[in-house]
């Protein structure tokens, strides 16, 4: 802008005019917030540093699938009684701690700045409610975690089909995987999203929120390990339900086996599967209640 000498004035015609395009309602506003949260979490339209974590995570969680398929390809013509597998579809659900680290980094990044920068009143001035806000944020995190957990499973499944003796026989022989994997991954994704976003909503500082997410999982995991002890020798214990990190893994066992797996610290507990479902639901309801309570007052 040029400097105007004293006594002179300037008139600018910026051409402001009202928006006359299509107007969306609550659904459109919620969808827009969901997309914006997805872009922020994935580092889209941000500096390259913000893009490192998502794609590094995707590479880390895909490595076991690539290695498994590679071993299957190398040994496909060998006379082996059983195929060599370094990981199964069941074990692949929630196998990587990188997912936990990703949630601890991303959930605070898409929630905390809204409160710290005081943009929530501006958001709720639009046709959007606290419930819509919570659904958009949870949906964004859950979608990313689901994608990063499900895509490696697709690589593993398609790769195993291609290196097997008959792709059609492998497909027909593993039809149960087609529904078990998405269901188990969805349970894991929703759980991580609710816990991560609920904790992040309690503070304006991202580093505090991230440390709290990791701390909750680690502390409860260590506490459960102390109370349960060596379950391989004396059997499982209901104290395993203290482990917030392992909760979706118990439901993973129910999806794949119909009961708690023998390698689970909850194995051997009477009605262990029912207790796991109740504990899982309790954590989800608590997290959702915290979120709805946290963002309820902003609407007023």
Protein backbone atom coordinates (compact mmCIF):
# COMPACT_ATOMS: atom_id res chain seq x y z
CA UNK A 1 0.00 0.00 0.00
CA UNK A 2 1.41 3.39 -1.01
CA UNK A 3 1.95 6.21 1.53
CA UNK A 4 -0.56 9.05 1.14
CA UNK A 5 0.68 12.58 1.75
CA UNK A 6 -0.93 14.69 4.47
CA UNK A 7 -4.14 16.35 3.40
CA UNK A 8 -4.84 13.77 0.73
CA UNK A 9 -7.31 10.93 0.93
CA UNK A 10 -7.94 7.73 -0.93
CA UNK A 11 -11.10 5.79 -1.67
CA UNK A 12 -10.89 2.05 -2.11
CA UNK A 13 -13.59 0.10 -3.87
CA UNK A 14 -13.08 -3.42 -2.59
CA UNK A 15 -16.29 -4.71 -4.06
CA UNK A 16 -17.79 -6.29 -0.94
CA UNK A 17 -21.10 -7.97 -1.55
CA UNK A 18 -23.26 -10.48 0.29
CA UNK A 19 -22.74 -14.20 -0.35
CA UNK A 20 -25.46 -15.37 -2.71
CA UNK A 21 -24.42 -18.99 -3.19
CA UNK A 22 -26.01 -22.13 -1.73
CA UNK A 23 -26.30 -22.14 2.04
CA UNK A 24 -25.89 -25.29 4.05
CA UNK A 25 -27.41 -26.06 7.40
CA UNK A 26 -26.14 -27.98 10.43
CA UNK A 27 -25.18 -30.99 8.37
CA UNK A 28 -23.11 -28.94 5.95
CA UNK A 29 -21.41 -27.04 8.78
CA UNK A 30 -20.60 -30.29 10.62
CA UNK A 31 -19.23 -31.85 7.43
CA UNK A 32 -17.07 -28.79 6.79
CA UNK A 33 -15.67 -28.96 10.33
CA UNK A 34 -15.03 -32.70 9.89
CA UNK A 35 -13.09 -32.10 6.66
CA UNK A 36 -11.12 -29.22 8.19
CA UNK A 37 -10.18 -31.43 11.17
CA UNK A 38 -9.09 -34.21 8.80
CA UNK A 39 -6.90 -31.81 6.83
CA UNK A 40 -5.31 -30.46 9.99
CA UNK A 41 -4.63 -33.92 11.38
CA UNK A 42 -3.03 -35.10 8.13
CA UNK A 43 -1.03 -31.90 7.66
CA UNK A 44 -2.78 -30.97 4.42
CA UNK A 45 -2.22 -27.31 3.47
CA UNK A 46 0.30 -27.05 6.30
CA UNK A 47 4.09 -27.10 6.42
CA UNK A 48 5.96 -30.28 5.54
CA UNK A 49 6.77 -30.87 9.22
CA UNK A 50 3.09 -31.44 9.92
CA UNK A 51 2.94 -34.11 7.21
CA UNK A 52 5.79 -36.21 8.59
CA UNK A 53 3.99 -37.89 11.49
CA UNK A 54 0.97 -39.26 9.54
CA UNK A 55 2.96 -40.75 6.69
CA UNK A 56 5.72 -42.08 8.94
CA UNK A 57 3.01 -43.77 11.00
CA UNK A 58 1.44 -45.30 7.90
CA UNK A 59 4.83 -46.65 6.86
CA UNK A 60 5.53 -48.10 10.31
CA UNK A 61 2.20 -49.92 10.62
CA UNK A 62 2.48 -51.30 7.08
CA UNK A 63 5.95 -52.82 7.51
CA UNK A 64 4.73 -56.06 9.19
CA UNK A 65 2.31 -56.70 6.32
CA UNK A 66 4.99 -56.15 3.68
CA UNK A 67 7.46 -58.39 5.52
CA UNK A 68 4.82 -61.11 5.96
CA UNK A 69 3.92 -61.04 2.26
CA UNK A 70 7.60 -61.03 1.32
CA UNK A 71 8.27 -64.13 3.40
CA UNK A 72 5.26 -65.80 1.83
CA UNK A 73 6.58 -64.98 -1.63
CA UNK A 74 10.08 -66.28 -0.93
CA UNK A 75 8.83 -69.53 0.59
CA UNK A 76 5.92 -70.13 -1.78
CA UNK A 77 7.68 -72.95 -3.69
CA UNK A 78 9.15 -74.63 -0.61
CA UNK A 79 7.72 -77.85 0.71
CA UNK A 80 6.36 -76.62 4.03
CA UNK A 81 3.54 -78.17 6.03
CA UNK A 82 2.36 -74.72 7.13
CA UNK A 83 2.82 -71.25 5.76
CA UNK A 84 5.22 -69.02 7.65
CA UNK A 85 3.39 -66.06 9.18
CA UNK A 86 5.02 -63.42 11.31
CA UNK A 87 1.66 -61.80 12.06
CA UNK A 88 -1.99 -62.77 11.80
CA UNK A 89 -5.03 -60.63 11.06
CA UNK A 90 -6.05 -60.91 14.70
CA UNK A 91 -2.67 -59.79 16.03
CA UNK A 92 -2.45 -56.97 13.49
CA UNK A 93 -5.36 -55.12 15.12
CA UNK A 94 -3.77 -52.71 17.59
CA UNK A 95 -0.31 -54.24 17.19
CA UNK A 96 1.56 -50.96 16.78
CA UNK A 97 2.16 -48.49 19.60
CA UNK A 98 2.60 -45.90 16.84
CA UNK A 99 -1.20 -45.57 16.70
CA UNK A 100 -1.28 -44.55 20.34
CA UNK A 101 1.49 -42.01 19.76
CA UNK A 102 -0.34 -40.68 16.72
CA UNK A 103 -3.57 -40.16 18.68
CA UNK A 104 -1.62 -38.45 21.46
CA UNK A 105 -0.18 -36.03 18.90
CA UNK A 106 -3.15 -35.44 16.63
CA UNK A 107 -6.15 -35.34 19.00
CA UNK A 108 -4.76 -32.35 20.96
CA UNK A 109 -3.79 -30.65 17.70
CA UNK A 110 -7.35 -30.65 16.36
CA UNK A 111 -9.05 -29.76 19.65
CA UNK A 112 -6.86 -27.59 21.88
CA UNK A 113 -6.22 -24.67 19.43
CA UNK A 114 -9.97 -24.00 19.08
CA UNK A 115 -10.27 -23.22 22.77
CA UNK A 116 -6.89 -21.51 23.14
CA UNK A 117 -7.50 -19.20 20.17
CA UNK A 118 -11.08 -18.45 21.31
CA UNK A 119 -12.71 -19.52 18.04
CA UNK A 120 -15.41 -21.67 19.65
CA UNK A 121 -17.88 -18.77 20.08
CA UNK A 122 -17.39 -17.97 16.40
CA UNK A 123 -18.06 -21.59 15.41
CA UNK A 124 -21.20 -21.80 17.54
CA UNK A 125 -22.47 -18.56 16.04
CA UNK A 126 -23.13 -20.67 12.96
CA UNK A 127 -25.87 -23.34 12.75
CA UNK A 128 -23.76 -25.87 14.66
CA UNK A 129 -24.20 -27.26 18.16
CA UNK A 130 -21.90 -28.82 20.72
CA UNK A 131 -23.04 -32.28 19.62
CA UNK A 132 -22.15 -31.46 16.02
CA UNK A 133 -18.73 -30.21 17.09
CA UNK A 134 -18.02 -33.36 19.08
CA UNK A 135 -19.18 -35.62 16.23
CA UNK A 136 -16.98 -33.79 13.72
CA UNK A 137 -13.85 -34.02 15.89
CA UNK A 138 -14.43 -37.64 16.90
CA UNK A 139 -15.27 -38.59 13.34
CA UNK A 140 -12.09 -37.05 11.98
CA UNK A 141 -9.78 -38.83 14.46
CA UNK A 142 -11.65 -42.13 14.22
CA UNK A 143 -11.57 -42.05 10.41
CA UNK A 144 -7.81 -41.52 10.30
CA UNK A 145 -7.09 -44.22 12.89
CA UNK A 146 -9.41 -46.61 11.04
CA UNK A 147 -7.71 -45.91 7.71
CA UNK A 148 -4.21 -46.32 9.13
CA UNK A 149 -5.23 -49.57 10.84
CA UNK A 150 -7.26 -51.00 7.97
CA UNK A 151 -5.01 -50.23 4.98
CA UNK A 152 -2.15 -52.45 6.25
CA UNK A 153 -4.69 -55.25 6.71
CA UNK A 154 -5.71 -54.81 3.07
CA UNK A 155 -2.06 -55.01 2.03
CA UNK A 156 -1.68 -58.20 4.08
CA UNK A 157 -4.85 -59.78 2.71
CA UNK A 158 -4.25 -58.94 -0.96
CA UNK A 159 -0.58 -59.87 -0.68
CA UNK A 160 -1.40 -63.25 0.85
CA UNK A 161 -3.87 -63.88 -1.95
CA UNK A 162 -1.26 -63.13 -4.60
CA UNK A 163 1.49 -65.33 -3.09
CA UNK A 164 -0.82 -68.25 -2.29
CA UNK A 165 -1.22 -71.24 -4.59
CA UNK A 166 -4.71 -70.11 -5.55
CA UNK A 167 -5.98 -66.60 -4.95
CA UNK A 168 -9.58 -67.76 -5.23
CA UNK A 169 -9.09 -70.56 -2.69
CA UNK A 170 -7.43 -68.15 -0.27
CA UNK A 171 -10.27 -65.67 -0.67
CA UNK A 172 -13.02 -68.23 -0.13
CA UNK A 173 -11.11 -69.76 2.78
CA UNK A 174 -10.75 -66.43 4.59
CA UNK A 175 -14.15 -64.84 4.04
CA UNK A 176 -14.56 -64.33 7.77
CA UNK A 177 -11.63 -61.91 7.72
CA UNK A 178 -13.61 -59.63 5.39
CA UNK A 179 -16.00 -58.68 8.21
CA UNK A 180 -13.97 -59.43 11.32
CA UNK A 181 -11.10 -57.07 10.51
CA UNK A 182 -13.24 -53.97 9.73
CA UNK A 183 -15.36 -54.55 12.83
CA UNK A 184 -12.38 -55.00 15.17
CA UNK A 185 -10.59 -52.00 13.64
CA UNK A 186 -13.73 -49.85 13.97
CA UNK A 187 -14.02 -50.72 17.68
CA UNK A 188 -10.37 -49.78 18.17
CA UNK A 189 -10.64 -46.53 16.19
CA UNK A 190 -13.75 -45.26 17.97
CA UNK A 191 -12.21 -46.08 21.35
CA UNK A 192 -8.94 -44.27 20.66
CA UNK A 193 -10.78 -41.28 19.22
CA UNK A 194 -13.13 -40.88 22.20
CA UNK A 195 -10.37 -41.21 24.80
CA UNK A 196 -7.95 -38.93 22.93
CA UNK A 197 -10.45 -36.16 22.16
CA UNK A 198 -12.07 -36.29 25.63
CA UNK A 199 -8.74 -35.83 27.39
CA UNK A 200 -7.68 -33.13 24.93
CA UNK A 201 -10.86 -31.16 25.59
CA UNK A 202 -9.87 -30.66 29.23
CA UNK A 203 -6.90 -28.42 28.51
CA UNK A 204 -5.76 -25.71 26.10
CA UNK A 205 -2.16 -26.93 25.95
CA UNK A 206 -1.40 -29.62 23.40
CA UNK A 207 1.67 -30.94 25.18
CA UNK A 208 -0.32 -31.43 28.39
CA UNK A 209 -3.10 -33.22 26.52
CA UNK A 210 -0.69 -35.49 24.65
CA UNK A 211 1.20 -36.40 27.81
CA UNK A 212 -2.08 -37.10 29.60
CA UNK A 213 -3.26 -39.48 26.85
CA UNK A 214 0.00 -41.45 26.92
CA UNK A 215 0.13 -41.31 30.73
CA UNK A 216 -3.39 -42.71 31.11
CA UNK A 217 -2.64 -45.67 28.88
CA UNK A 218 0.77 -46.39 30.38
CA UNK A 219 -0.22 -45.99 34.04
CA UNK A 220 -3.30 -48.20 33.74
CA UNK A 221 -1.31 -50.76 31.74
CA UNK A 222 1.42 -50.94 34.39
CA UNK A 223 -1.12 -51.08 37.22
CA UNK A 224 -2.99 -53.93 35.55
CA UNK A 225 0.26 -55.79 34.98
CA UNK A 226 1.12 -55.51 38.68
CA UNK A 227 -2.28 -56.73 39.84
CA UNK A 228 -2.60 -59.54 37.30
CA UNK A 229 0.98 -60.78 37.52
CA UNK A 230 2.07 -63.80 35.46
CA UNK A 231 -1.28 -64.88 34.06
CA UNK A 232 0.35 -67.59 31.92
CA UNK A 233 0.89 -69.66 35.05
CA UNK A 234 -1.97 -68.79 37.40
CA UNK A 235 -4.55 -67.67 34.84
CA UNK A 236 -6.14 -64.34 34.09
CA UNK A 237 -7.73 -61.89 36.47
CA UNK A 238 -10.55 -59.36 36.36
CA UNK A 239 -7.93 -56.77 37.36
CA UNK A 240 -6.93 -56.77 33.67
CA UNK A 241 -9.94 -54.52 33.08
CA UNK A 242 -7.97 -51.71 34.71
CA UNK A 243 -5.82 -51.58 31.57
CA UNK A 244 -7.50 -48.88 29.50
CA UNK A 245 -5.09 -49.50 26.62
CA UNK A 246 -6.05 -53.17 26.24
CA UNK A 247 -9.82 -52.66 26.36
CA UNK A 248 -10.41 -52.72 22.58
CA UNK A 249 -8.08 -55.73 22.31
CA UNK A 250 -10.41 -57.74 24.52
CA UNK A 251 -13.23 -56.94 22.14
CA UNK A 252 -10.94 -57.87 19.25
CA UNK A 253 -10.75 -61.36 20.76
CA UNK A 254 -14.52 -61.53 20.97
CA UNK A 255 -14.84 -60.57 17.31
CA UNK A 256 -12.29 -63.12 16.06
CA UNK A 257 -12.78 -65.99 18.52
CA UNK A 258 -16.12 -65.39 20.16
CA UNK A 259 -14.38 -65.42 23.55
CA UNK A 260 -11.36 -63.94 25.28
CA UNK A 261 -8.17 -65.33 23.74
CA UNK A 262 -5.85 -67.66 25.70
CA UNK A 263 -2.99 -65.14 25.54
CA UNK A 264 -5.08 -62.41 27.12
CA UNK A 265 -4.64 -61.43 30.82
CA UNK A 266 -8.44 -61.70 31.03
CA UNK A 267 -8.48 -65.35 29.92
CA UNK A 268 -10.09 -67.82 32.28
CA UNK A 269 -12.22 -65.18 34.02
CA UNK A 270 -15.88 -66.15 34.26
CA UNK A 271 -17.94 -63.86 32.00
CA UNK A 272 -14.72 -62.11 31.05
CA UNK A 273 -16.11 -61.20 27.64
CA UNK A 274 -19.22 -59.62 29.16
CA UNK A 275 -17.11 -57.66 31.64
CA UNK A 276 -14.91 -56.44 28.78
CA UNK A 277 -17.93 -55.19 26.84
CA UNK A 278 -19.29 -53.39 29.90
CA UNK A 279 -15.92 -51.78 30.65
CA UNK A 280 -15.47 -50.75 27.01
CA UNK A 281 -18.93 -49.17 26.93
CA UNK A 282 -18.30 -47.43 30.26
CA UNK A 283 -15.11 -45.80 28.97
CA UNK A 284 -16.86 -44.66 25.79
CA UNK A 285 -19.88 -43.25 27.63
CA UNK A 286 -17.64 -41.46 30.13
CA UNK A 287 -15.58 -39.89 27.34
CA UNK A 288 -18.66 -38.81 25.39
CA UNK A 289 -20.26 -37.38 28.54
CA UNK A 290 -17.12 -35.35 29.24
CA UNK A 291 -17.14 -33.98 25.70
CA UNK A 292 -20.81 -33.06 25.67
CA UNK A 293 -20.50 -31.40 29.08
CA UNK A 294 -17.34 -29.60 28.06
CA UNK A 295 -18.85 -28.02 24.94
CA UNK A 296 -22.39 -27.56 26.16
CA UNK A 297 -21.79 -24.15 27.77
CA UNK A 298 -20.30 -22.65 24.60
CA UNK A 299 -23.68 -22.81 22.88
CA UNK A 300 -25.32 -20.55 25.45
